[in-house]
Structures are given as structure tokens and as C-alpha cells.
């Protein structure tokens, strides 16, 4: 949770600085898109590994 809070505070100004330095949004979006995909994948993997499985393997329980 703390990494998320740090990212919420730090990323918008950093992306704004990147836009100012490059003069466009292309590089900012090019960095933001894969980072979002990685965060989604990590979250999905963590959620899957923390979900208890039933001994019978039927997904119930």
C-alpha cells in the first residue's frame, strides 16, 4: 500500500516534468502504459496466489 501512495504523489509531477522536457505526451504515455500493464499483472498474480483453493480442486471453498 505504501508503494501505491508514493506513486500517487510522485508520478504525476514526474510525468509533467517529462512532458515539459520533451514537449509532448508521447514519451510519458509510452512509459505509463507498460508500467500500468506490469502493475495489473503483478496484482493479478498476487491475487491469484492469495486466493485459497479447495482440496478437491473444484474451485469451491
C-alpha atoms as a PDB file:
ATOM      1  CA  UNK A   1       0.000   0.000   0.000  1.00  0.00           C
ATOM      2  CA  UNK A   2       2.803   2.441   0.784  1.00  0.00           C
ATOM      3  CA  UNK A   3       4.335   1.977  -2.689  1.00  0.00           C
ATOM      4  CA  UNK A   4       0.980   2.915  -4.181  1.00  0.00           C
ATOM      5  CA  UNK A   5       0.797   6.088  -2.078  1.00  0.00           C
ATOM      6  CA  UNK A   6       4.330   7.092  -3.055  1.00  0.00           C
ATOM      7  CA  UNK A   7       3.500   6.523  -6.727  1.00  0.00           C
ATOM      8  CA  UNK A   8       0.300   8.573  -6.450  1.00  0.00           C
ATOM      9  CA  UNK A   9       2.303  11.509  -5.108  1.00  0.00           C
ATOM     10  CA  UNK A  10       5.450  11.188  -7.235  1.00  0.00           C
ATOM     11  CA  UNK A  11       4.358  10.057 -10.698  1.00  0.00           C
ATOM     12  CA  UNK A  12       2.165  12.993 -11.842  1.00  0.00           C
ATOM     13  CA  UNK A  13       4.874  15.632 -11.277  1.00  0.00           C
ATOM     14  CA  UNK A  14       7.491  13.374 -12.864  1.00  0.00           C
ATOM     15  CA  UNK A  15       5.320  12.792 -15.929  1.00  0.00           C
ATOM     16  CA  UNK A  16       4.613  16.536 -16.073  1.00  0.00           C
ATOM     17  CA  UNK A  17       8.346  17.232 -15.996  1.00  0.00           C
ATOM     18  CA  UNK A  18       8.858  14.667 -18.746  1.00  0.00           C
ATOM     19  CA  UNK A  19       6.181  16.363 -20.853  1.00  0.00           C
ATOM     20  CA  UNK A  20       7.826  19.742 -20.267  1.00  0.00           C
ATOM     21  CA  UNK A  21      11.263  18.422 -21.192  1.00  0.00           C
ATOM     22  CA  UNK A  22      10.154  16.579 -24.331  1.00  0.00           C
ATOM     23  CA  UNK A  23       7.450  18.977 -25.477  1.00  0.00           C
ATOM     24  CA  UNK A  24       4.844  16.248 -25.888  1.00  0.00           C
ATOM     25  CA  UNK A  25       2.908  13.495 -24.199  1.00  0.00           C
ATOM     26  CA  UNK A  26       4.176  10.584 -26.313  1.00  0.00           C
ATOM     27  CA  UNK A  27       7.064   9.523 -24.091  1.00  0.00           C
ATOM     28  CA  UNK A  28       5.012   9.981 -20.914  1.00  0.00           C
ATOM     29  CA  UNK A  29       2.269   7.710 -22.254  1.00  0.00           C
ATOM     30  CA  UNK A  30       4.858   5.282 -23.619  1.00  0.00           C
ATOM     31  CA  UNK A  31       6.245   4.877 -20.093  1.00  0.00           C
ATOM     32  CA  UNK A  32       2.909   4.948 -18.288  1.00  0.00           C
ATOM     33  CA  UNK A  33       1.240   2.259 -20.417  1.00  0.00           C
ATOM     34  CA  UNK A  34       3.716  -0.589 -19.785  1.00  0.00           C
ATOM     35  CA  UNK A  35       4.011   0.356 -16.105  1.00  0.00           C
ATOM     36  CA  UNK A  36       0.237   0.085 -15.796  1.00  0.00           C
ATOM     37  CA  UNK A  37       0.294  -3.307 -17.525  1.00  0.00           C
ATOM     38  CA  UNK A  38       3.023  -4.535 -15.166  1.00  0.00           C
ATOM     39  CA  UNK A  39       1.060  -3.314 -12.137  1.00  0.00           C
ATOM     40  CA  UNK A  40      -2.035  -5.118 -13.410  1.00  0.00           C
ATOM     41  CA  UNK A  41      -0.098  -8.349 -13.942  1.00  0.00           C
ATOM     42  CA  UNK A  42       1.548  -8.185 -10.505  1.00  0.00           C
ATOM     43  CA  UNK A  43      -1.809  -7.515  -8.869  1.00  0.00           C
ATOM     44  CA  UNK A  44      -3.457 -10.406 -10.708  1.00  0.00           C
ATOM     45  CA  UNK A  45      -0.658 -12.805  -9.780  1.00  0.00           C
ATOM     46  CA  UNK A  46      -0.711 -11.714  -6.144  1.00  0.00           C
ATOM     47  CA  UNK A  47      -4.493 -12.041  -6.000  1.00  0.00           C
ATOM     48  CA  UNK A  48      -4.380 -15.497  -7.561  1.00  0.00           C
ATOM     49  CA  UNK A  49      -1.706 -16.729  -5.158  1.00  0.00           C
ATOM     50  CA  UNK A  50      -3.551 -15.380  -2.099  1.00  0.00           C
ATOM     51  CA  UNK A  51      -6.893 -16.997  -3.025  1.00  0.00           C
ATOM     52  CA  UNK A  52      -7.396 -20.217  -1.085  1.00  0.00           C
ATOM     53  CA  UNK A  53      -8.036 -23.311  -3.191  1.00  0.00           C
ATOM     54  CA  UNK A  54     -10.223 -26.190  -2.200  1.00  0.00           C
ATOM     55  CA  UNK A  55      -8.590 -29.600  -1.720  1.00  0.00           C
ATOM     56  CA  UNK A  56     -10.939 -31.167  -4.275  1.00  0.00           C
ATOM     57  CA  UNK A  57      -9.827 -28.738  -6.989  1.00  0.00           C
ATOM     58  CA  UNK A  58     -13.381 -27.717  -7.881  1.00  0.00           C
ATOM     59  CA  UNK A  59     -12.744 -24.062  -7.001  1.00  0.00           C
ATOM     60  CA  UNK A  60     -15.301 -24.070  -4.198  1.00  0.00           C
ATOM     61  CA  UNK A  61     -14.152 -23.470  -0.669  1.00  0.00           C
END
